[in-house]
């Protein structure tokens, strides 16, 4: 079939009609809007997931370190029976005296560790700690330490907080 015969059959029409173009634009617009919405959702949800993971990791790290030392301690004394700083001490089998002090400074929990009264070694245990006393606190009663740690990542409306509570039983006095 020759080209001029094809044009004669279609009545000489060339290109797309206005309705076909409008339908194609509408479909393309719907697909584009859906893709844009999905992309925005992926980025914002990814950011919130990262914030939650960060807050949870720092909260669990603080609980791990304090639990580890509290389970070793023979003497435990939060300031005034509750709150920070927490002082933990114990004597090892070789009569070496260990002391650990946990304190909150600038939204971080710091661990100061010394053996036999030597110069303390200090490490940062966790960042993003909410230092308001109702959110991050500890209380020692009935031979157990109840530890509440809250970590907040982000600011304003996008702030995400994670709170964990742990009851710790120190070892019996020897």
N, C-alpha and C. Protein backbone atom coordinates (compact mmCIF):
# COMPACT_ATOMS: atom_id res chain seq x y z
N UNK A 1 0.84 -1.16 0.00
CA UNK A 1 0.00 0.00 0.00
C UNK A 1 0.89 1.23 0.00
N UNK A 2 0.53 2.18 -0.82
CA UNK A 2 1.32 3.38 -0.94
C UNK A 2 0.81 4.42 0.04
N UNK A 3 1.65 5.37 0.33
CA UNK A 3 1.35 6.38 1.34
C UNK A 3 0.15 7.23 0.95
N UNK A 4 0.05 7.62 -0.29
CA UNK A 4 -1.08 8.48 -0.70
C UNK A 4 -2.40 7.72 -0.61
N UNK A 5 -2.40 6.39 -0.76
CA UNK A 5 -3.62 5.61 -0.60
C UNK A 5 -4.06 5.59 0.87
N UNK A 6 -3.11 5.54 1.80
CA UNK A 6 -3.42 5.56 3.23
C UNK A 6 -4.08 6.87 3.62
N UNK A 7 -3.58 8.00 3.09
CA UNK A 7 -4.18 9.30 3.40
C UNK A 7 -5.60 9.40 2.84
N UNK A 8 -5.82 8.83 1.68
CA UNK A 8 -7.15 8.88 1.10
C UNK A 8 -8.14 8.07 1.93
N UNK A 9 -7.73 6.94 2.48
CA UNK A 9 -8.60 6.11 3.29
C UNK A 9 -9.01 6.81 4.57
N UNK A 10 -8.07 7.55 5.22
CA UNK A 10 -8.36 8.25 6.48
C UNK A 10 -8.95 9.62 6.24
N UNK A 11 -9.27 9.92 5.08
CA UNK A 11 -9.88 11.20 4.77
C UNK A 11 -8.89 12.34 4.86
N UNK A 12 -7.62 12.04 4.82
CA UNK A 12 -6.60 13.09 4.87
C UNK A 12 -6.31 13.58 6.28
N UNK A 13 -6.79 12.85 7.31
CA UNK A 13 -6.52 13.29 8.69
C UNK A 13 -5.08 12.99 9.06
N UNK A 14 -4.47 13.95 9.79
CA UNK A 14 -3.11 13.76 10.26
C UNK A 14 -3.08 14.13 11.74
N UNK A 15 -2.25 13.44 12.58
CA UNK A 15 -2.05 13.81 13.98
C UNK A 15 -3.15 13.29 14.89
N UNK A 16 -3.19 13.87 16.10
CA UNK A 16 -4.15 13.47 17.12
C UNK A 16 -5.26 14.49 17.21
N UNK A 17 -6.42 14.02 17.66
CA UNK A 17 -7.53 14.96 17.86
C UNK A 17 -7.34 15.65 19.21
N UNK A 18 -8.07 16.72 19.42
CA UNK A 18 -7.98 17.49 20.66
C UNK A 18 -8.39 16.63 21.86
N UNK A 19 -9.39 15.81 21.71
CA UNK A 19 -9.86 14.94 22.80
C UNK A 19 -8.77 13.94 23.17
N UNK A 20 -8.10 13.37 22.19
CA UNK A 20 -7.03 12.42 22.48
C UNK A 20 -5.89 13.09 23.24
N UNK A 21 -5.53 14.30 22.87
CA UNK A 21 -4.45 15.03 23.55
C UNK A 21 -4.86 15.35 24.98
N UNK A 22 -6.10 15.81 25.18
CA UNK A 22 -6.57 16.13 26.53
C UNK A 22 -6.61 14.88 27.42
N UNK A 23 -7.04 13.77 26.87
CA UNK A 23 -7.08 12.52 27.64
C UNK A 23 -5.66 12.09 28.03
N UNK A 24 -4.72 12.20 27.09
CA UNK A 24 -3.33 11.84 27.39
C UNK A 24 -2.74 12.75 28.46
N UNK A 25 -3.04 14.07 28.38
CA UNK A 25 -2.55 15.00 29.40
C UNK A 25 -3.15 14.70 30.78
N UNK A 26 -4.43 14.36 30.82
CA UNK A 26 -5.08 14.04 32.10
C UNK A 26 -4.46 12.80 32.72
N UNK A 27 -4.25 11.77 31.93
CA UNK A 27 -3.64 10.54 32.44
C UNK A 27 -2.21 10.80 32.91
N UNK A 28 -1.44 11.56 32.14
CA UNK A 28 -0.07 11.90 32.53
C UNK A 28 -0.06 12.71 33.83
N UNK A 29 -1.00 13.64 33.96
CA UNK A 29 -1.10 14.44 35.19
C UNK A 29 -1.41 13.59 36.41
N UNK A 30 -2.33 12.64 36.27
CA UNK A 30 -2.66 11.75 37.39
C UNK A 30 -1.46 10.89 37.79
N UNK A 31 -0.77 10.36 36.81
CA UNK A 31 0.42 9.55 37.11
C UNK A 31 1.50 10.40 37.78
N UNK A 32 1.71 11.62 37.27
CA UNK A 32 2.71 12.52 37.86
C UNK A 32 2.36 12.92 39.29
N UNK A 33 1.08 13.21 39.54
CA UNK A 33 0.65 13.58 40.90
C UNK A 33 0.84 12.41 41.86
N UNK A 34 0.50 11.23 41.42
CA UNK A 34 0.70 10.04 42.26
C UNK A 34 2.17 9.80 42.56
N UNK A 35 3.01 9.96 41.55
CA UNK A 35 4.45 9.76 41.75
C UNK A 35 5.03 10.81 42.68
N UNK A 36 4.58 12.06 42.55
CA UNK A 36 5.08 13.13 43.43
C UNK A 36 4.65 12.88 44.87
N UNK A 37 3.40 12.48 45.08
CA UNK A 37 2.92 12.18 46.43
C UNK A 37 3.70 11.03 47.05
N UNK A 38 3.93 9.99 46.27
CA UNK A 38 4.68 8.84 46.78
C UNK A 38 6.11 9.23 47.13
N UNK A 39 6.74 10.05 46.31
CA UNK A 39 8.11 10.49 46.57
C UNK A 39 8.19 11.31 47.85
N UNK A 40 7.27 12.24 48.02
CA UNK A 40 7.25 13.06 49.25
C UNK A 40 7.04 12.17 50.47
N UNK A 41 6.14 11.22 50.37
CA UNK A 41 5.86 10.32 51.49
C UNK A 41 7.09 9.48 51.83
N UNK A 42 7.79 9.01 50.83
CA UNK A 42 8.99 8.21 51.07
C UNK A 42 10.04 9.02 51.81
N UNK A 43 10.26 10.26 51.39
CA UNK A 43 11.29 11.08 52.04
C UNK A 43 10.90 11.45 53.47
N UNK A 44 9.65 11.84 53.70
CA UNK A 44 9.26 12.23 55.06
C UNK A 44 9.20 11.02 55.98
N UNK A 45 8.69 9.91 55.51
CA UNK A 45 8.62 8.71 56.35
C UNK A 45 10.01 8.16 56.62
N UNK A 46 10.89 8.23 55.65
CA UNK A 46 12.27 7.79 55.86
C UNK A 46 12.95 8.61 56.93
N UNK A 47 12.71 9.90 56.93
CA UNK A 47 13.28 10.78 57.95
C UNK A 47 12.74 10.44 59.33
N UNK A 48 11.45 10.19 59.44
CA UNK A 48 10.86 9.83 60.74
C UNK A 48 11.37 8.48 61.22
N UNK A 49 11.54 7.54 60.31
CA UNK A 49 12.09 6.24 60.69
C UNK A 49 13.51 6.38 61.23
N UNK A 50 14.31 7.21 60.57
CA UNK A 50 15.67 7.44 61.03
C UNK A 50 15.68 8.09 62.41
N UNK A 51 14.80 9.07 62.62
CA UNK A 51 14.72 9.73 63.93
C UNK A 51 14.29 8.74 65.01
N UNK A 52 13.32 7.89 64.72
CA UNK A 52 12.87 6.91 65.70
C UNK A 52 13.99 5.93 66.04
N UNK A 53 14.68 5.45 65.02
CA UNK A 53 15.77 4.51 65.25
C UNK A 53 16.87 5.15 66.09
N UNK A 54 17.21 6.40 65.79
CA UNK A 54 18.24 7.10 66.55
C UNK A 54 17.82 7.27 68.01
N UNK A 55 16.60 7.74 68.23
CA UNK A 55 16.12 7.94 69.60
C UNK A 55 16.07 6.62 70.36
N UNK A 56 15.58 5.58 69.73
CA UNK A 56 15.48 4.28 70.38
C UNK A 56 16.86 3.72 70.70
N UNK A 57 17.80 3.85 69.77
CA UNK A 57 19.15 3.34 69.98
C UNK A 57 19.83 4.03 71.16
N UNK A 58 19.70 5.35 71.25
CA UNK A 58 20.34 6.07 72.35
C UNK A 58 19.67 5.75 73.69
N UNK A 59 18.36 5.59 73.69
CA UNK A 59 17.65 5.22 74.92
C UNK A 59 18.09 3.84 75.39
N UNK A 60 18.14 2.89 74.48
CA UNK A 60 18.55 1.53 74.85
C UNK A 60 20.02 1.47 75.26
N UNK A 61 20.86 2.29 74.66
CA UNK A 61 22.27 2.32 75.05
C UNK A 61 22.42 2.82 76.48
N UNK A 62 21.68 3.86 76.85
CA UNK A 62 21.72 4.38 78.22
C UNK A 62 21.24 3.31 79.20
N UNK A 63 20.15 2.64 78.88
CA UNK A 63 19.63 1.60 79.76
C UNK A 63 20.62 0.45 79.88
N UNK A 64 21.25 0.06 78.79
CA UNK A 64 22.23 -1.03 78.83
C UNK A 64 23.36 -0.72 79.80
N UNK A 65 23.98 0.45 79.66
CA UNK A 65 25.13 0.78 80.49
C UNK A 65 24.75 0.91 81.96
N UNK A 66 23.65 1.60 82.23
CA UNK A 66 23.24 1.77 83.63
C UNK A 66 22.85 0.42 84.23
N UNK A 67 22.15 -0.42 83.48
CA UNK A 67 21.77 -1.75 83.96
C UNK A 67 23.00 -2.60 84.24
N UNK A 68 23.94 -2.55 83.35
CA UNK A 68 25.17 -3.34 83.50
C UNK A 68 25.87 -3.01 84.81
N UNK A 69 26.03 -1.72 85.08
CA UNK A 69 26.73 -1.32 86.30
C UNK A 69 25.85 -1.50 87.54
N UNK A 70 24.55 -1.27 87.41
CA UNK A 70 23.66 -1.43 88.57
C UNK A 70 23.59 -2.88 89.02
N UNK A 71 23.65 -3.81 88.09
CA UNK A 71 23.63 -5.22 88.45
C UNK A 71 24.92 -5.65 89.14
N UNK A 72 25.99 -4.93 88.92
CA UNK A 72 27.26 -5.21 89.60
C UNK A 72 27.34 -4.53 90.96
N UNK A 73 26.58 -3.46 91.13
CA UNK A 73 26.78 -2.60 92.30
C UNK A 73 26.35 -3.26 93.60
N UNK A 74 27.06 -2.88 94.65
CA UNK A 74 26.70 -3.27 96.01
C UNK A 74 26.08 -2.07 96.73
N UNK A 75 26.44 -0.88 96.31
CA UNK A 75 25.88 0.35 96.87
C UNK A 75 25.38 1.21 95.72
N UNK A 76 24.17 1.71 95.88
CA UNK A 76 23.53 2.47 94.82
C UNK A 76 22.88 3.68 95.46
N UNK A 77 23.16 4.87 94.94
CA UNK A 77 22.56 6.05 95.56
C UNK A 77 22.23 7.13 94.53
N UNK A 78 20.99 7.15 94.07
CA UNK A 78 20.56 8.31 93.28
C UNK A 78 20.48 9.52 94.19
N UNK A 79 20.64 10.69 93.63
CA UNK A 79 20.59 11.93 94.41
C UNK A 79 19.22 12.08 95.05
N UNK A 80 19.17 12.14 96.38
CA UNK A 80 17.90 12.33 97.07
C UNK A 80 16.94 11.17 96.93
N UNK A 81 17.42 9.97 96.65
CA UNK A 81 16.56 8.81 96.49
C UNK A 81 16.01 8.65 95.10
N UNK A 82 16.09 9.70 94.29
CA UNK A 82 15.64 9.58 92.90
C UNK A 82 16.34 10.65 92.07
N UNK A 83 16.39 10.42 90.78
CA UNK A 83 16.99 11.39 89.87
C UNK A 83 18.46 11.14 89.61
N UNK A 84 19.04 12.05 88.87
CA UNK A 84 20.46 11.97 88.52
C UNK A 84 21.21 13.02 89.31
N UNK A 85 22.47 12.83 89.61
CA UNK A 85 23.36 11.75 89.23
C UNK A 85 23.11 10.47 90.03
N UNK A 86 23.50 9.35 89.43
CA UNK A 86 23.42 8.04 90.08
C UNK A 86 24.85 7.63 90.40
N UNK A 87 25.09 7.22 91.63
CA UNK A 87 26.41 6.73 92.02
C UNK A 87 26.29 5.24 92.35
N UNK A 88 27.09 4.44 91.69
CA UNK A 88 27.11 2.99 91.89
C UNK A 88 28.51 2.59 92.32
N UNK A 89 28.61 1.70 93.29
CA UNK A 89 29.94 1.25 93.70
C UNK A 89 29.90 -0.22 94.09
N UNK A 90 31.04 -0.86 93.93
CA UNK A 90 31.17 -2.27 94.30
C UNK A 90 32.65 -2.59 94.50
N UNK A 91 32.89 -3.71 95.18
CA UNK A 91 34.25 -4.19 95.42
C UNK A 91 34.38 -5.53 94.71
N UNK A 92 35.42 -5.65 93.90
CA UNK A 92 35.66 -6.88 93.15
C UNK A 92 36.32 -7.93 94.05
N UNK A 93 36.50 -9.12 93.54
CA UNK A 93 37.10 -10.22 94.29
C UNK A 93 38.53 -9.92 94.72
N UNK A 94 39.21 -9.04 93.96
CA UNK A 94 40.60 -8.69 94.30
C UNK A 94 40.68 -7.45 95.19
N UNK A 95 39.56 -7.08 95.82
CA UNK A 95 39.44 -5.92 96.71
C UNK A 95 39.66 -4.59 96.01
N UNK A 96 39.48 -4.52 94.71
CA UNK A 96 39.54 -3.24 94.01
C UNK A 96 38.16 -2.59 94.08
N UNK A 97 38.15 -1.33 94.50
CA UNK A 97 36.89 -0.59 94.65
C UNK A 97 36.56 0.13 93.35
N UNK A 98 35.39 -0.13 92.83
CA UNK A 98 34.93 0.48 91.58
C UNK A 98 33.81 1.46 91.90
N UNK A 99 33.83 2.60 91.21
CA UNK A 99 32.77 3.58 91.36
C UNK A 99 32.39 4.14 89.99
N UNK A 100 31.09 4.19 89.74
CA UNK A 100 30.57 4.73 88.49
C UNK A 100 29.54 5.80 88.84
N UNK A 101 29.66 6.94 88.17
CA UNK A 101 28.69 8.02 88.36
C UNK A 101 28.08 8.34 87.00
N UNK A 102 26.76 8.28 86.93
CA UNK A 102 26.03 8.66 85.72
C UNK A 102 25.41 10.03 85.96
N UNK A 103 25.63 10.94 85.03
CA UNK A 103 25.07 12.28 85.15
C UNK A 103 24.53 12.72 83.79
N UNK A 104 23.62 13.69 83.83
CA UNK A 104 23.06 14.24 82.60
C UNK A 104 23.58 15.66 82.45
N UNK A 105 24.24 15.92 81.32
CA UNK A 105 24.75 17.25 80.99
C UNK A 105 24.49 17.51 79.51
N UNK A 106 23.90 18.63 79.21
CA UNK A 106 23.66 19.04 77.81
C UNK A 106 22.98 17.95 76.99
N UNK A 107 21.93 17.37 77.53
CA UNK A 107 21.15 16.32 76.85
C UNK A 107 21.97 15.09 76.51
N UNK A 108 23.00 14.81 77.29
CA UNK A 108 23.77 13.58 77.14
C UNK A 108 23.91 12.92 78.51
N UNK A 109 23.94 11.60 78.52
CA UNK A 109 24.24 10.87 79.75
C UNK A 109 25.72 10.52 79.70
N UNK A 110 26.43 10.91 80.75
CA UNK A 110 27.87 10.66 80.85
C UNK A 110 28.13 9.63 81.94
N UNK A 111 29.11 8.77 81.69
CA UNK A 111 29.52 7.74 82.64
C UNK A 111 30.95 8.03 83.06
N UNK A 112 31.13 8.24 84.36
CA UNK A 112 32.45 8.49 84.92
C UNK A 112 32.82 7.28 85.77
N UNK A 113 33.92 6.61 85.41
CA UNK A 113 34.30 5.33 86.02
C UNK A 113 35.69 5.43 86.62
N UNK A 114 35.81 5.02 87.88
CA UNK A 114 37.14 5.02 88.51
C UNK A 114 37.32 3.74 89.32
N UNK A 115 38.58 3.34 89.44
CA UNK A 115 38.96 2.16 90.22
C UNK A 115 39.91 2.62 91.31
N UNK A 116 39.60 2.24 92.56
CA UNK A 116 40.43 2.58 93.73
C UNK A 116 40.71 4.07 93.82
N UNK A 117 39.75 4.89 93.49
CA UNK A 117 39.88 6.34 93.63
C UNK A 117 40.79 6.99 92.61
N UNK A 118 41.16 6.28 91.55
CA UNK A 118 42.02 6.87 90.52
C UNK A 118 41.26 7.92 89.73
N UNK A 119 41.97 8.60 88.85
CA UNK A 119 41.32 9.62 88.00
C UNK A 119 40.22 8.95 87.18
N UNK A 120 39.03 9.51 87.19
CA UNK A 120 37.92 8.87 86.48
C UNK A 120 38.08 8.94 84.96
N UNK A 121 37.62 7.89 84.31
CA UNK A 121 37.55 7.85 82.85
C UNK A 121 36.10 8.14 82.49
N UNK A 122 35.90 9.09 81.60
CA UNK A 122 34.55 9.51 81.27
C UNK A 122 34.22 9.19 79.82
N UNK A 123 33.02 8.65 79.61
CA UNK A 123 32.52 8.41 78.26
C UNK A 123 31.10 8.96 78.16
N UNK A 124 30.68 9.26 76.95
CA UNK A 124 29.30 9.65 76.69
C UNK A 124 28.54 8.38 76.35
N UNK A 125 27.50 8.10 77.11
CA UNK A 125 26.72 6.88 76.94
C UNK A 125 25.61 7.08 75.92
N UNK A 126 24.95 8.25 75.96
CA UNK A 126 23.82 8.48 75.05
C UNK A 126 23.62 9.97 74.82
N UNK A 127 23.22 10.30 73.61
CA UNK A 127 22.87 11.68 73.24
C UNK A 127 21.35 11.80 73.16
N UNK A 128 20.88 13.01 72.90
CA UNK A 128 19.46 13.31 72.67
C UNK A 128 18.57 12.98 73.88
N UNK A 129 19.15 12.93 75.07
CA UNK A 129 18.39 12.58 76.26
C UNK A 129 17.59 13.79 76.72
N UNK A 130 16.31 13.57 76.96
CA UNK A 130 15.44 14.63 77.45
C UNK A 130 15.72 14.79 78.94
N UNK A 131 16.35 15.89 79.31
CA UNK A 131 16.83 16.05 80.68
C UNK A 131 15.77 16.57 81.65
N UNK A 132 14.54 16.76 81.20
CA UNK A 132 13.47 17.15 82.12
C UNK A 132 13.25 16.00 83.09
N UNK A 133 13.22 16.31 84.39
CA UNK A 133 13.25 15.27 85.41
C UNK A 133 12.08 14.29 85.34
N UNK A 134 10.93 14.68 84.81
CA UNK A 134 9.81 13.74 84.70
C UNK A 134 10.04 12.74 83.57
N UNK A 135 10.83 13.12 82.58
CA UNK A 135 11.03 12.26 81.41
C UNK A 135 12.20 11.31 81.56
N UNK A 136 13.27 11.75 82.20
CA UNK A 136 14.44 10.90 82.41
C UNK A 136 14.77 10.95 83.89
N UNK A 137 14.53 9.83 84.55
CA UNK A 137 14.74 9.80 85.99
C UNK A 137 15.01 8.37 86.44
N UNK A 138 15.39 8.24 87.69
CA UNK A 138 15.54 6.93 88.29
C UNK A 138 15.11 7.04 89.75
N UNK A 139 14.65 5.94 90.29
CA UNK A 139 14.24 5.90 91.70
C UNK A 139 14.65 4.55 92.26
N UNK A 140 15.20 4.57 93.45
CA UNK A 140 15.62 3.34 94.11
C UNK A 140 14.71 3.10 95.30
N UNK A 141 13.94 2.02 95.24
CA UNK A 141 13.04 1.65 96.32
C UNK A 141 12.80 0.15 96.26
N UNK A 142 12.58 -0.45 97.41
CA UNK A 142 12.30 -1.89 97.51
C UNK A 142 13.36 -2.73 96.81
N UNK A 143 14.61 -2.35 96.97
CA UNK A 143 15.76 -3.08 96.41
C UNK A 143 15.71 -3.20 94.89
N UNK A 144 15.13 -2.21 94.24
CA UNK A 144 15.17 -2.19 92.78
C UNK A 144 15.30 -0.75 92.30
N UNK A 145 16.00 -0.61 91.22
CA UNK A 145 16.19 0.69 90.59
C UNK A 145 15.23 0.76 89.40
N UNK A 146 14.33 1.73 89.42
CA UNK A 146 13.42 1.93 88.29
C UNK A 146 13.97 3.08 87.47
N UNK A 147 14.32 2.78 86.25
CA UNK A 147 14.98 3.73 85.37
C UNK A 147 14.04 4.09 84.22
N UNK A 148 13.82 5.37 84.03
CA UNK A 148 13.01 5.88 82.92
C UNK A 148 13.90 6.80 82.09
N UNK A 149 14.05 6.48 80.82
CA UNK A 149 14.91 7.27 79.93
C UNK A 149 14.09 7.69 78.72
N UNK A 150 14.11 8.99 78.42
CA UNK A 150 13.42 9.52 77.24
C UNK A 150 14.44 10.21 76.35
N UNK A 151 14.40 9.85 75.09
CA UNK A 151 15.28 10.45 74.09
C UNK A 151 14.41 11.16 73.06
N UNK A 152 14.76 12.40 72.73
CA UNK A 152 13.99 13.19 71.78
C UNK A 152 14.89 13.63 70.63
N UNK A 153 14.51 13.28 69.42
CA UNK A 153 15.26 13.65 68.22
C UNK A 153 14.37 14.54 67.37
N UNK A 154 14.92 15.63 66.88
CA UNK A 154 14.16 16.57 66.07
C UNK A 154 13.67 17.73 66.92
N UNK A 155 13.07 18.71 66.25
CA UNK A 155 12.59 19.89 66.95
C UNK A 155 11.19 20.25 66.47
N UNK A 156 10.48 20.94 67.33
CA UNK A 156 9.16 21.46 66.98
C UNK A 156 8.17 20.35 66.69
N UNK A 157 7.39 20.54 65.64
CA UNK A 157 6.35 19.57 65.29
C UNK A 157 6.94 18.26 64.80
N UNK A 158 8.19 18.27 64.38
CA UNK A 158 8.81 17.05 63.86
C UNK A 158 9.62 16.31 64.93
N UNK A 159 9.53 16.74 66.19
CA UNK A 159 10.24 16.06 67.27
C UNK A 159 9.62 14.69 67.51
N UNK A 160 10.48 13.72 67.73
CA UNK A 160 10.03 12.36 67.98
C UNK A 160 10.69 11.88 69.27
N UNK A 161 9.89 11.42 70.23
CA UNK A 161 10.41 10.98 71.52
C UNK A 161 10.18 9.49 71.71
N UNK A 162 11.15 8.84 72.34
CA UNK A 162 11.04 7.43 72.70
C UNK A 162 11.33 7.33 74.19
N UNK A 163 10.43 6.69 74.94
CA UNK A 163 10.61 6.50 76.38
C UNK A 163 10.66 5.00 76.67
N UNK A 164 11.65 4.61 77.45
CA UNK A 164 11.80 3.22 77.87
C UNK A 164 11.90 3.20 79.39
N UNK A 165 11.28 2.19 80.00
CA UNK A 165 11.32 2.03 81.45
C UNK A 165 11.89 0.65 81.75
N UNK A 166 12.79 0.60 82.73
CA UNK A 166 13.43 -0.67 83.07
C UNK A 166 13.56 -0.77 84.58
N UNK A 167 13.24 -1.92 85.14
CA UNK A 167 13.46 -2.19 86.55
C UNK A 167 14.71 -3.04 86.67
N UNK A 168 15.63 -2.60 87.51
CA UNK A 168 16.93 -3.27 87.65
C UNK A 168 17.10 -3.69 89.10
N UNK A 169 17.49 -4.93 89.29
CA UNK A 169 17.75 -5.45 90.63
C UNK A 169 19.26 -5.59 90.82
N UNK A 170 19.86 -4.78 91.69
CA UNK A 170 21.30 -4.92 91.95
C UNK A 170 21.58 -6.27 92.62
N UNK A 171 22.83 -6.68 92.57
CA UNK A 171 23.17 -7.95 93.19
C UNK A 171 23.05 -7.82 94.71
N UNK A 172 22.79 -8.92 95.39
CA UNK A 172 22.66 -8.87 96.84
C UNK A 172 23.99 -8.46 97.49
N UNK A 173 23.87 -7.76 98.61
CA UNK A 173 25.09 -7.37 99.33
C UNK A 173 25.77 -8.60 99.88
N UNK A 174 27.08 -8.60 99.82
CA UNK A 174 27.84 -9.75 100.31
C UNK A 174 28.34 -9.50 101.70
